[in-house]
N, C-alpha and C. Protein backbone atom coordinates (compact mmCIF):
# COMPACT_ATOMS: atom_id res chain seq x y z
N MET A 1 -0.18 -2.33 -21.67
CA MET A 1 -1.61 -2.08 -21.70
C MET A 1 -2.11 -1.81 -20.29
N SER A 2 -3.04 -0.88 -20.17
CA SER A 2 -3.60 -0.51 -18.88
C SER A 2 -5.12 -0.62 -18.91
N THR A 3 -5.69 -0.92 -17.75
CA THR A 3 -7.13 -0.98 -17.60
C THR A 3 -7.55 0.11 -16.62
N VAL A 4 -8.45 1.01 -17.05
CA VAL A 4 -8.93 2.06 -16.15
C VAL A 4 -9.88 1.43 -15.13
N ILE A 5 -9.62 1.71 -13.85
CA ILE A 5 -10.46 1.18 -12.77
C ILE A 5 -11.45 2.24 -12.29
N CYS A 6 -10.94 3.46 -12.06
CA CYS A 6 -11.80 4.54 -11.57
C CYS A 6 -11.06 5.86 -11.74
N LYS A 7 -11.71 6.93 -11.36
CA LYS A 7 -11.10 8.27 -11.33
C LYS A 7 -10.45 8.46 -9.95
N VAL A 8 -9.40 9.24 -9.91
CA VAL A 8 -8.77 9.55 -8.62
C VAL A 8 -9.78 10.22 -7.70
N ASP A 9 -10.65 11.06 -8.26
CA ASP A 9 -11.66 11.75 -7.45
C ASP A 9 -12.66 10.80 -6.80
N ASP A 10 -12.73 9.55 -7.26
CA ASP A 10 -13.62 8.56 -6.66
C ASP A 10 -13.07 8.01 -5.35
N LEU A 11 -11.79 8.24 -5.09
CA LEU A 11 -11.11 7.68 -3.92
C LEU A 11 -11.08 8.66 -2.76
N THR A 12 -10.95 8.11 -1.56
CA THR A 12 -10.80 8.92 -0.36
C THR A 12 -9.34 8.90 0.05
N LYS A 13 -8.78 10.09 0.29
CA LYS A 13 -7.37 10.18 0.68
C LYS A 13 -7.09 9.40 1.95
N ASN A 14 -5.91 8.72 1.96
CA ASN A 14 -5.42 7.98 3.12
C ASN A 14 -6.39 6.91 3.60
N SER A 15 -7.05 6.27 2.65
CA SER A 15 -8.05 5.27 2.97
C SER A 15 -8.13 4.25 1.84
N GLY A 16 -8.94 3.22 2.06
CA GLY A 16 -9.13 2.18 1.05
C GLY A 16 -10.50 2.25 0.41
N SER A 17 -10.57 1.73 -0.79
CA SER A 17 -11.82 1.58 -1.54
C SER A 17 -11.76 0.22 -2.21
N CYS A 18 -12.91 -0.27 -2.64
CA CYS A 18 -12.94 -1.56 -3.31
C CYS A 18 -13.46 -1.41 -4.72
N ALA A 19 -12.85 -2.15 -5.66
CA ALA A 19 -13.29 -2.16 -7.05
C ALA A 19 -13.46 -3.61 -7.48
N LEU A 20 -14.48 -3.85 -8.30
CA LEU A 20 -14.70 -5.17 -8.87
C LEU A 20 -14.14 -5.16 -10.28
N LEU A 21 -13.23 -6.06 -10.55
CA LEU A 21 -12.54 -6.10 -11.84
C LEU A 21 -12.74 -7.48 -12.46
N THR A 22 -13.01 -7.50 -13.74
CA THR A 22 -13.12 -8.76 -14.46
C THR A 22 -11.90 -8.92 -15.36
N GLN A 23 -11.15 -10.00 -15.13
CA GLN A 23 -9.97 -10.31 -15.92
C GLN A 23 -10.04 -11.78 -16.33
N ASN A 24 -9.86 -12.03 -17.60
CA ASN A 24 -9.89 -13.41 -18.12
C ASN A 24 -11.16 -14.15 -17.69
N GLY A 25 -12.28 -13.44 -17.69
CA GLY A 25 -13.55 -14.05 -17.33
C GLY A 25 -13.76 -14.25 -15.84
N GLN A 26 -12.81 -13.85 -15.03
CA GLN A 26 -12.89 -14.01 -13.58
C GLN A 26 -13.10 -12.65 -12.92
N GLN A 27 -14.03 -12.60 -11.97
CA GLN A 27 -14.23 -11.36 -11.21
C GLN A 27 -13.35 -11.39 -9.97
N GLN A 28 -12.71 -10.25 -9.70
CA GLN A 28 -11.84 -10.11 -8.55
C GLN A 28 -12.13 -8.79 -7.86
N GLN A 29 -12.11 -8.81 -6.54
CA GLN A 29 -12.23 -7.57 -5.79
C GLN A 29 -10.83 -7.07 -5.47
N ILE A 30 -10.58 -5.80 -5.79
CA ILE A 30 -9.29 -5.19 -5.52
C ILE A 30 -9.47 -4.09 -4.48
N ALA A 31 -8.68 -4.14 -3.43
CA ALA A 31 -8.65 -3.07 -2.45
C ALA A 31 -7.65 -2.04 -2.95
N ILE A 32 -8.12 -0.80 -3.13
CA ILE A 32 -7.28 0.29 -3.63
C ILE A 32 -7.05 1.27 -2.49
N TYR A 33 -5.78 1.55 -2.21
CA TYR A 33 -5.42 2.49 -1.15
C TYR A 33 -4.81 3.72 -1.80
N TYR A 34 -5.40 4.88 -1.48
CA TYR A 34 -4.94 6.15 -2.05
C TYR A 34 -4.19 6.93 -0.98
N LEU A 35 -2.87 6.96 -1.13
CA LEU A 35 -1.99 7.66 -0.20
C LEU A 35 -1.26 8.76 -0.97
N PRO A 36 -1.90 9.93 -1.11
CA PRO A 36 -1.37 10.98 -1.98
C PRO A 36 -0.03 11.56 -1.53
N ASN A 37 0.36 11.36 -0.29
CA ASN A 37 1.62 11.91 0.20
C ASN A 37 2.79 10.94 0.08
N THR A 38 2.59 9.85 -0.67
CA THR A 38 3.67 8.89 -0.91
C THR A 38 4.10 8.99 -2.37
N GLU A 39 5.21 8.39 -2.68
CA GLU A 39 5.74 8.45 -4.04
C GLU A 39 4.81 7.75 -5.04
N ARG A 40 4.30 6.57 -4.70
CA ARG A 40 3.45 5.81 -5.63
C ARG A 40 2.01 6.29 -5.67
N LYS A 41 1.51 6.78 -4.59
CA LYS A 41 0.16 7.35 -4.44
C LYS A 41 -0.97 6.32 -4.39
N VAL A 42 -0.95 5.28 -5.22
CA VAL A 42 -2.00 4.25 -5.19
C VAL A 42 -1.38 2.86 -5.07
N PHE A 43 -2.03 2.03 -4.27
CA PHE A 43 -1.58 0.66 -4.04
C PHE A 43 -2.78 -0.25 -4.19
N GLY A 44 -2.55 -1.44 -4.71
CA GLY A 44 -3.64 -2.38 -4.90
C GLY A 44 -3.32 -3.75 -4.32
N LEU A 45 -4.24 -4.27 -3.52
CA LEU A 45 -4.13 -5.61 -2.94
C LEU A 45 -5.44 -6.34 -3.17
N GLY A 46 -5.39 -7.66 -3.04
CA GLY A 46 -6.62 -8.43 -3.06
C GLY A 46 -7.48 -8.03 -1.87
N ASN A 47 -8.78 -8.00 -2.05
CA ASN A 47 -9.69 -7.58 -0.98
C ASN A 47 -10.02 -8.72 -0.01
N TRP A 48 -9.71 -9.97 -0.38
CA TRP A 48 -10.03 -11.14 0.44
C TRP A 48 -9.03 -11.28 1.58
N ASP A 49 -9.51 -11.25 2.82
CA ASP A 49 -8.68 -11.47 4.00
C ASP A 49 -8.57 -12.99 4.20
N PRO A 50 -7.38 -13.57 3.99
CA PRO A 50 -7.25 -15.02 4.09
C PRO A 50 -7.38 -15.55 5.52
N ILE A 51 -7.23 -14.71 6.49
CA ILE A 51 -7.35 -15.14 7.90
C ILE A 51 -8.80 -14.99 8.36
N GLY A 52 -9.40 -13.84 8.09
CA GLY A 52 -10.78 -13.60 8.48
C GLY A 52 -11.80 -14.20 7.53
N GLN A 53 -11.33 -14.66 6.36
CA GLN A 53 -12.19 -15.32 5.36
C GLN A 53 -13.35 -14.44 4.90
N ALA A 54 -13.03 -13.18 4.56
CA ALA A 54 -14.07 -12.25 4.09
C ALA A 54 -13.42 -11.18 3.20
N ASN A 55 -14.21 -10.61 2.32
CA ASN A 55 -13.76 -9.50 1.46
C ASN A 55 -13.87 -8.19 2.23
N VAL A 56 -12.82 -7.85 2.98
CA VAL A 56 -12.89 -6.69 3.87
C VAL A 56 -11.63 -5.82 3.88
N MET A 57 -10.59 -6.20 3.14
CA MET A 57 -9.31 -5.49 3.28
C MET A 57 -9.39 -4.01 2.92
N SER A 58 -10.30 -3.64 2.05
CA SER A 58 -10.42 -2.22 1.68
C SER A 58 -10.89 -1.37 2.85
N ARG A 59 -11.44 -2.01 3.87
CA ARG A 59 -11.93 -1.28 5.06
C ARG A 59 -10.88 -1.17 6.17
N GLY A 60 -9.69 -1.73 5.92
CA GLY A 60 -8.64 -1.70 6.92
C GLY A 60 -7.99 -0.33 7.06
N MET A 61 -7.36 -0.13 8.21
CA MET A 61 -6.66 1.13 8.47
C MET A 61 -5.25 1.06 7.89
N VAL A 62 -4.84 2.15 7.21
CA VAL A 62 -3.50 2.20 6.65
C VAL A 62 -2.57 2.91 7.63
N GLY A 63 -1.30 2.52 7.57
CA GLY A 63 -0.29 3.12 8.44
C GLY A 63 1.07 2.60 8.03
N SER A 64 2.01 2.64 8.97
CA SER A 64 3.34 2.10 8.68
C SER A 64 3.90 1.44 9.93
N ILE A 65 4.69 0.41 9.69
CA ILE A 65 5.42 -0.28 10.75
C ILE A 65 6.86 -0.39 10.27
N ASN A 66 7.79 0.20 11.02
CA ASN A 66 9.21 0.20 10.65
C ASN A 66 9.41 0.64 9.20
N ASP A 67 8.81 1.75 8.83
CA ASP A 67 8.92 2.33 7.49
C ASP A 67 8.26 1.50 6.39
N GLU A 68 7.53 0.45 6.74
CA GLU A 68 6.79 -0.36 5.76
C GLU A 68 5.33 0.10 5.76
N LEU A 69 4.82 0.53 4.60
CA LEU A 69 3.42 0.91 4.51
C LEU A 69 2.56 -0.34 4.61
N VAL A 70 1.57 -0.31 5.48
CA VAL A 70 0.75 -1.48 5.74
C VAL A 70 -0.73 -1.11 5.83
N VAL A 71 -1.55 -2.15 5.73
CA VAL A 71 -2.97 -2.03 6.03
C VAL A 71 -3.27 -3.10 7.08
N ALA A 72 -4.05 -2.72 8.08
CA ALA A 72 -4.44 -3.67 9.14
C ALA A 72 -5.81 -4.24 8.79
N SER A 73 -5.90 -5.55 8.82
CA SER A 73 -7.19 -6.19 8.56
C SER A 73 -8.21 -5.67 9.58
N PRO A 74 -9.42 -5.32 9.12
CA PRO A 74 -10.42 -4.84 10.08
C PRO A 74 -10.98 -5.95 10.97
N LEU A 75 -10.70 -7.21 10.64
CA LEU A 75 -11.26 -8.30 11.44
C LEU A 75 -10.35 -8.69 12.60
N TYR A 76 -9.13 -9.16 12.30
CA TYR A 76 -8.25 -9.64 13.35
C TYR A 76 -6.96 -8.83 13.49
N LYS A 77 -6.87 -7.74 12.74
CA LYS A 77 -5.81 -6.73 12.88
C LYS A 77 -4.43 -7.15 12.42
N GLN A 78 -4.29 -8.22 11.64
CA GLN A 78 -2.98 -8.53 11.06
C GLN A 78 -2.62 -7.43 10.08
N HIS A 79 -1.32 -7.19 9.94
CA HIS A 79 -0.83 -6.13 9.07
C HIS A 79 -0.27 -6.73 7.78
N PHE A 80 -0.68 -6.16 6.65
CA PHE A 80 -0.23 -6.61 5.34
C PHE A 80 0.51 -5.46 4.66
N SER A 81 1.67 -5.78 4.07
CA SER A 81 2.46 -4.79 3.35
C SER A 81 1.70 -4.32 2.12
N LEU A 82 1.65 -3.01 1.89
CA LEU A 82 1.00 -2.48 0.70
C LEU A 82 1.85 -2.71 -0.55
N THR A 83 3.13 -2.97 -0.40
CA THR A 83 4.00 -3.16 -1.56
C THR A 83 4.20 -4.63 -1.93
N THR A 84 4.21 -5.52 -0.94
CA THR A 84 4.46 -6.94 -1.23
C THR A 84 3.25 -7.82 -0.98
N GLY A 85 2.27 -7.35 -0.21
CA GLY A 85 1.11 -8.16 0.13
C GLY A 85 1.35 -9.13 1.27
N LYS A 86 2.58 -9.23 1.75
CA LYS A 86 2.91 -10.19 2.81
C LYS A 86 2.37 -9.73 4.15
N CYS A 87 1.87 -10.70 4.91
CA CYS A 87 1.41 -10.44 6.27
C CYS A 87 2.62 -10.39 7.19
N LEU A 88 2.65 -9.43 8.10
CA LEU A 88 3.80 -9.30 9.01
C LEU A 88 3.73 -10.27 10.17
N GLU A 89 2.54 -10.79 10.48
CA GLU A 89 2.38 -11.66 11.65
C GLU A 89 2.16 -13.14 11.31
N GLU A 90 1.68 -13.43 10.13
CA GLU A 90 1.33 -14.80 9.74
C GLU A 90 2.03 -15.16 8.43
N GLU A 91 2.01 -16.42 8.07
CA GLU A 91 2.62 -16.89 6.82
C GLU A 91 1.60 -16.91 5.68
N VAL A 92 0.98 -15.78 5.43
CA VAL A 92 0.03 -15.63 4.33
C VAL A 92 0.33 -14.32 3.61
N SER A 93 -0.24 -14.18 2.42
CA SER A 93 -0.07 -12.92 1.70
C SER A 93 -1.29 -12.66 0.84
N LEU A 94 -1.39 -11.44 0.38
CA LEU A 94 -2.46 -11.01 -0.50
C LEU A 94 -1.90 -10.79 -1.90
N PRO A 95 -2.72 -10.99 -2.94
CA PRO A 95 -2.24 -10.64 -4.28
C PRO A 95 -1.98 -9.13 -4.36
N VAL A 96 -0.96 -8.76 -5.11
CA VAL A 96 -0.60 -7.36 -5.30
C VAL A 96 -0.94 -6.97 -6.74
N TYR A 97 -1.56 -5.82 -6.89
CA TYR A 97 -1.92 -5.30 -8.21
C TYR A 97 -1.14 -4.02 -8.45
N GLU A 98 -0.48 -3.92 -9.61
CA GLU A 98 0.30 -2.73 -9.93
C GLU A 98 -0.63 -1.65 -10.46
N LEU A 99 -0.83 -0.63 -9.66
CA LEU A 99 -1.70 0.48 -10.02
C LEU A 99 -0.88 1.73 -10.26
N ALA A 100 -1.44 2.64 -11.04
CA ALA A 100 -0.79 3.92 -11.30
C ALA A 100 -1.88 4.95 -11.58
N ILE A 101 -1.49 6.21 -11.55
CA ILE A 101 -2.40 7.29 -11.91
C ILE A 101 -1.96 7.83 -13.25
N GLU A 102 -2.90 7.82 -14.21
CA GLU A 102 -2.65 8.37 -15.54
C GLU A 102 -3.82 9.24 -15.93
N ASP A 103 -3.57 10.50 -16.22
CA ASP A 103 -4.63 11.45 -16.62
C ASP A 103 -5.80 11.45 -15.64
N GLN A 104 -5.49 11.47 -14.36
CA GLN A 104 -6.50 11.50 -13.28
C GLN A 104 -7.35 10.23 -13.21
N ASN A 105 -6.89 9.14 -13.86
CA ASN A 105 -7.52 7.84 -13.75
C ASN A 105 -6.61 6.90 -12.98
N VAL A 106 -7.20 6.02 -12.18
CA VAL A 106 -6.44 4.94 -11.56
C VAL A 106 -6.47 3.77 -12.53
N VAL A 107 -5.30 3.31 -12.92
CA VAL A 107 -5.22 2.24 -13.92
C VAL A 107 -4.46 1.04 -13.35
N LEU A 108 -4.87 -0.14 -13.83
CA LEU A 108 -4.17 -1.38 -13.53
C LEU A 108 -3.21 -1.64 -14.66
N LYS A 109 -1.93 -1.75 -14.32
CA LYS A 109 -0.90 -2.04 -15.32
C LYS A 109 -0.90 -3.54 -15.58
N SER A 110 -0.74 -3.91 -16.84
CA SER A 110 -0.67 -5.35 -17.14
C SER A 110 0.52 -5.69 -18.00
């Protein structure tokens, strides 16, 4: 089963966006990164920065470190893997959401 989050056209290439999703009665902010030149194209992480204590991860800069796709927190610049959610500098991680593109929609796989 999949949940439609948004249209691909709603996203900015090589950047992050934020979506509010309700699952099991709980609201969650998901940072969605649209990297059209990669195999997966869309990546989803929790938007809450556990170090900076704010919902800001969708505003981070995307890039790569040693072939690992990452996003840098806009607050204190720690790097988080887009595939595992693990921080490269600290012992923390972000939740990872499995996203895909289906019929020009970004969907959350469940």
